Protein backbone atom coordinates (compact mmCIF):
# COMPACT_ATOMS: atom_id res chain seq x y z
CA MET A 1 124.79 128.87 104.90
CA LYS A 2 122.54 130.97 102.67
CA ARG A 3 121.46 128.04 100.52
CA ASN A 4 119.64 126.58 103.52
CA CYS A 5 117.08 129.33 103.02
CA ILE A 6 115.59 127.39 100.11
CA PRO A 7 112.46 125.62 101.41
CA ALA A 8 112.75 121.89 101.92
CA ALA A 9 109.37 121.50 100.23
CA LEU A 10 111.08 122.10 96.90
CA PHE A 11 112.91 118.81 97.19
CA PHE A 12 111.07 115.61 96.43
CA PHE A 13 111.94 112.07 95.46
CA SER A 14 110.94 109.27 93.13
CA ALA A 15 107.40 108.01 93.54
CA CYS A 16 106.97 104.27 93.30
CA ALA A 17 109.89 101.88 93.62
CA ALA A 18 107.76 98.96 92.42
CA PRO A 19 104.93 98.72 89.89
CA ARG A 20 101.26 98.59 90.73
CA THR A 21 99.95 95.37 89.22
CA ALA A 22 96.66 93.57 88.69
CA VAL A 23 96.30 89.90 87.74
CA ASN A 24 93.27 88.20 86.20
CA PRO A 25 92.41 85.41 88.68
CA ARG A 26 91.17 83.22 85.80
CA ALA A 27 94.35 83.59 83.76
CA ASP A 28 96.34 80.46 82.85
CA PHE A 29 99.88 81.80 82.46
CA SER A 30 101.21 78.28 81.83
CA ALA A 31 99.51 78.45 78.42
CA VAL A 32 101.48 81.55 77.42
CA LYS A 33 104.58 80.27 75.64
CA ARG A 34 105.34 82.97 73.09
CA VAL A 35 104.55 86.69 73.11
CA ALA A 36 104.86 89.85 71.04
CA VAL A 37 105.34 93.44 72.21
CA LEU A 38 103.41 96.08 70.30
CA THR A 39 104.76 99.61 70.03
CA PHE A 40 103.73 101.59 73.10
CA GLY A 41 101.64 104.69 72.55
CA GLY A 42 102.83 108.14 73.55
CA SER A 43 106.10 110.01 73.28
CA GLY A 44 109.03 107.58 73.43
CA GLY A 45 106.77 104.59 72.82
CA GLU A 46 109.16 102.91 70.39
CA LEU A 47 112.00 103.06 72.92
CA ALA A 48 109.75 101.79 75.72
CA SER A 49 108.70 98.80 73.59
CA ASP A 50 112.30 97.96 72.68
CA LEU A 51 113.42 98.14 76.32
CA PHE A 52 110.48 96.03 77.47
CA THR A 53 111.34 93.44 74.81
CA GLN A 54 114.94 93.45 76.03
CA SER A 55 113.80 92.95 79.65
CA LEU A 56 111.61 90.01 78.63
CA LEU A 57 114.41 88.37 76.63
CA ALA A 58 116.82 88.79 79.54
CA ARG A 59 114.44 86.69 81.66
CA GLY A 60 114.09 83.95 79.06
CA ALA A 61 110.79 84.89 77.40
CA ASP A 62 110.16 83.80 73.81
CA VAL A 63 109.45 87.12 72.08
CA VAL A 64 108.70 87.68 68.40
CA GLU A 65 111.28 89.87 66.68
CA ARG A 66 109.83 93.39 66.47
CA GLN A 67 110.66 93.91 62.79
CA ARG A 68 108.63 90.82 61.91
CA LEU A 69 105.78 92.09 64.07
CA THR A 70 105.85 95.46 62.32
CA ALA A 71 105.87 93.79 58.90
CA VAL A 72 102.83 91.67 59.74
CA MET A 73 100.95 94.64 61.20
CA THR A 74 101.65 96.69 58.07
CA GLU A 75 100.67 93.87 55.73
CA GLN A 76 97.38 93.35 57.54
CA SER A 77 96.72 97.11 57.84
CA LEU A 78 96.59 96.85 61.62
CA SER A 79 97.64 99.55 64.04
CA SER A 80 100.72 98.65 66.07
CA VAL A 81 100.02 101.41 68.60
CA GLY A 82 97.17 101.89 71.03
CA TYR A 83 94.02 99.88 71.45
CA PHE A 84 92.71 97.11 69.22
CA ASP A 85 89.69 94.83 69.29
CA PRO A 86 89.72 91.12 70.26
CA GLY A 87 89.40 90.15 66.62
CA SER A 88 92.62 91.93 65.74
CA ALA A 89 94.40 90.33 68.69
CA LYS A 90 93.31 86.89 67.53
CA GLN A 91 94.42 87.64 63.98
CA ILE A 92 97.86 88.79 65.15
CA GLY A 93 98.18 85.74 67.37
CA LYS A 94 97.43 83.40 64.48
CA LEU A 95 99.79 85.13 62.05
CA LEU A 96 102.71 85.32 64.47
CA GLY A 97 102.09 82.15 66.45
CA VAL A 98 101.92 83.99 69.77
CA ASP A 99 99.73 83.33 72.78
CA ALA A 100 99.66 86.85 74.21
CA LEU A 101 100.44 90.43 73.30
CA PHE A 102 101.92 93.17 75.43
CA VAL A 103 100.44 96.59 74.74
CA GLY A 104 101.11 99.79 76.61
CA SER A 105 101.62 103.52 76.65
CA VAL A 106 104.02 106.15 77.90
CA ALA A 107 101.86 108.19 80.27
CA GLU A 108 104.62 110.67 81.11
CA SER A 109 108.09 111.36 79.80
CA ALA A 110 109.92 114.40 81.17
CA PRO A 111 113.64 114.85 80.43
CA PRO A 112 116.12 116.08 83.05
CA SER A 113 116.41 119.84 83.40
CA THR A 114 118.17 122.55 85.38
CA TYR A 115 116.65 125.66 86.93
CA LEU A 116 117.56 128.53 89.20
CA VAL A 117 116.16 129.07 92.69
CA SER A 118 116.63 132.58 94.08
CA ALA A 119 115.88 133.15 97.74
CA SER A 120 114.96 136.58 99.13
CA ASN A 121 115.77 137.89 102.59
CA ASN A 122 112.69 136.05 103.78
CA PRO A 123 113.84 132.42 104.37
CA ARG A 124 110.37 131.14 103.53
CA VAL A 125 110.24 132.67 100.05
CA ALA A 126 112.01 131.46 96.93
CA SER A 127 111.72 132.15 93.22
CA VAL A 128 111.88 129.22 90.80
CA THR A 129 112.58 130.08 87.16
CA GLN A 130 111.99 126.60 85.71
CA LEU A 131 110.65 123.32 87.06
CA ALA A 132 110.38 120.05 85.13
CA GLY A 133 111.40 116.42 85.34
CA GLY A 134 111.40 114.19 88.39
CA SER A 135 113.29 114.34 91.69
CA VAL A 136 114.98 117.62 92.52
CA TYR A 137 118.54 117.84 93.79
CA SER A 138 120.96 120.69 94.46
CA ASP A 139 123.99 121.44 92.31
CA GLY A 140 125.19 123.98 94.88
CA SER A 141 125.24 127.75 95.15
CA LEU A 142 126.40 130.06 92.36
CA LEU A 143 129.57 132.14 92.59
CA GLY A 144 128.67 135.77 93.16
CA MET A 145 125.02 134.93 93.89
CA PRO A 146 124.88 134.03 97.61
CA ASN A 147 121.08 133.87 97.68
CA ALA A 148 120.77 131.69 94.58
CA GLN A 149 121.22 128.00 93.97
CA LEU A 150 121.42 125.93 90.80
CA VAL A 151 119.06 122.96 91.02
CA SER A 152 118.60 120.01 88.65
CA THR A 153 115.85 117.46 88.17
CA THR A 154 116.05 113.84 87.09
CA ALA A 155 114.11 112.49 84.13
CA LYS A 156 110.67 111.17 85.05
CA VAL A 157 108.83 108.43 83.16
CA SER A 158 105.48 106.72 83.72
CA LEU A 159 104.56 103.55 81.82
CA VAL A 160 101.39 101.48 81.67
CA THR A 161 101.25 98.02 80.08
CA ARG A 162 98.96 95.00 79.74
CA MET A 163 99.32 91.35 78.70
CA VAL A 164 96.40 90.37 76.47
CA ASP A 165 95.27 86.82 75.62
CA VAL A 166 95.06 86.65 71.82
CA GLN A 167 92.29 84.02 71.87
CA THR A 168 89.85 85.82 74.13
CA GLY A 169 91.07 89.42 74.15
CA SER A 170 91.05 89.28 77.95
CA ILE A 171 93.63 91.17 79.96
CA LEU A 172 95.75 88.65 81.86
CA TRP A 173 97.99 91.11 83.71
CA SER A 174 98.46 94.86 83.89
CA ALA A 175 101.01 97.14 85.51
CA SER A 176 101.83 100.81 85.89
CA MET A 177 104.83 102.56 87.36
CA SER A 178 106.56 105.94 87.60
CA TYR A 179 110.30 106.26 88.04
CA ASP A 180 112.97 108.97 88.17
CA GLY A 181 116.29 108.33 86.46
CA LEU A 182 119.36 110.16 85.18
CA ASP A 183 117.80 110.14 81.72
CA ILE A 184 114.66 108.83 80.02
CA GLN A 185 116.23 105.56 78.86
CA THR A 186 117.54 104.78 82.34
CA ALA A 187 114.12 105.44 83.86
CA MET A 188 112.34 103.33 81.23
CA SER A 189 114.78 100.45 81.71
CA ALA A 190 114.16 100.46 85.45
CA ILE A 191 110.40 100.30 84.88
CA THR A 192 110.46 97.54 82.26
CA ASP A 193 112.78 95.44 84.43
CA ALA A 194 110.38 95.92 87.36
CA PHE A 195 107.43 94.89 85.16
CA VAL A 196 109.11 91.62 84.18
CA THR A 197 110.16 90.99 87.78
CA SER A 198 106.50 91.24 88.81
CA LEU A 199 105.62 88.63 86.17
CA ASN A 200 108.30 86.20 87.34
CA PRO A 201 106.30 84.53 90.14
CA ILE A 202 103.22 83.92 87.95
CA TRP A 203 104.55 83.25 84.43
CA PRO A 204 106.39 79.90 84.11
CA ALA A 205 107.95 80.91 80.77
CA LEU A 206 110.38 83.20 82.60
CA TYR A 207 113.58 82.13 84.31
CA ARG A 208 112.93 81.74 88.02
CA ILE A 209 114.64 84.31 90.24
CA LYS A 210 116.41 82.55 93.11
């Protein structure tokens, strides 16, 4: 069929299926009883933070309600997004009664899209009118256009997050992951669930996965 003329190199798949993590070898996770999730930086950061909070709660973590966190941050004139110094972390920990904070950022957030691939008589040549998002998959050929094919991409999201000890400001755990999903929320949910799963073996506050 004509659509086979479109180069296979145009089709690619989701990158990592599991997060890349790093753990502080001196960290005492048994001391972390209660946590707070700060708003992630970057586009879609609020949604990422909410989904990460939901993933933590689903595994039994004791998480401060985000509205209370926002109120305290506003009252103390502290930024709820991005980086902060150890002194601010300690202040937040004291005010909210938390042992650690989760901070993070949305490194990439590309929505799903559709584009047109038109192949010439040369089977090795194709014209792409738009390319964005994550994994590419074919929607099939177009009626009346035998050398053209409608192609769609999934949404692609990349998140980075860290667990910070409020007493010392030290990073206890960090993780990063990219994922392709049907939409941005689906991709973010898959990543935040994977983050919490990676914490399960080392953080006693979570429900054990059997």
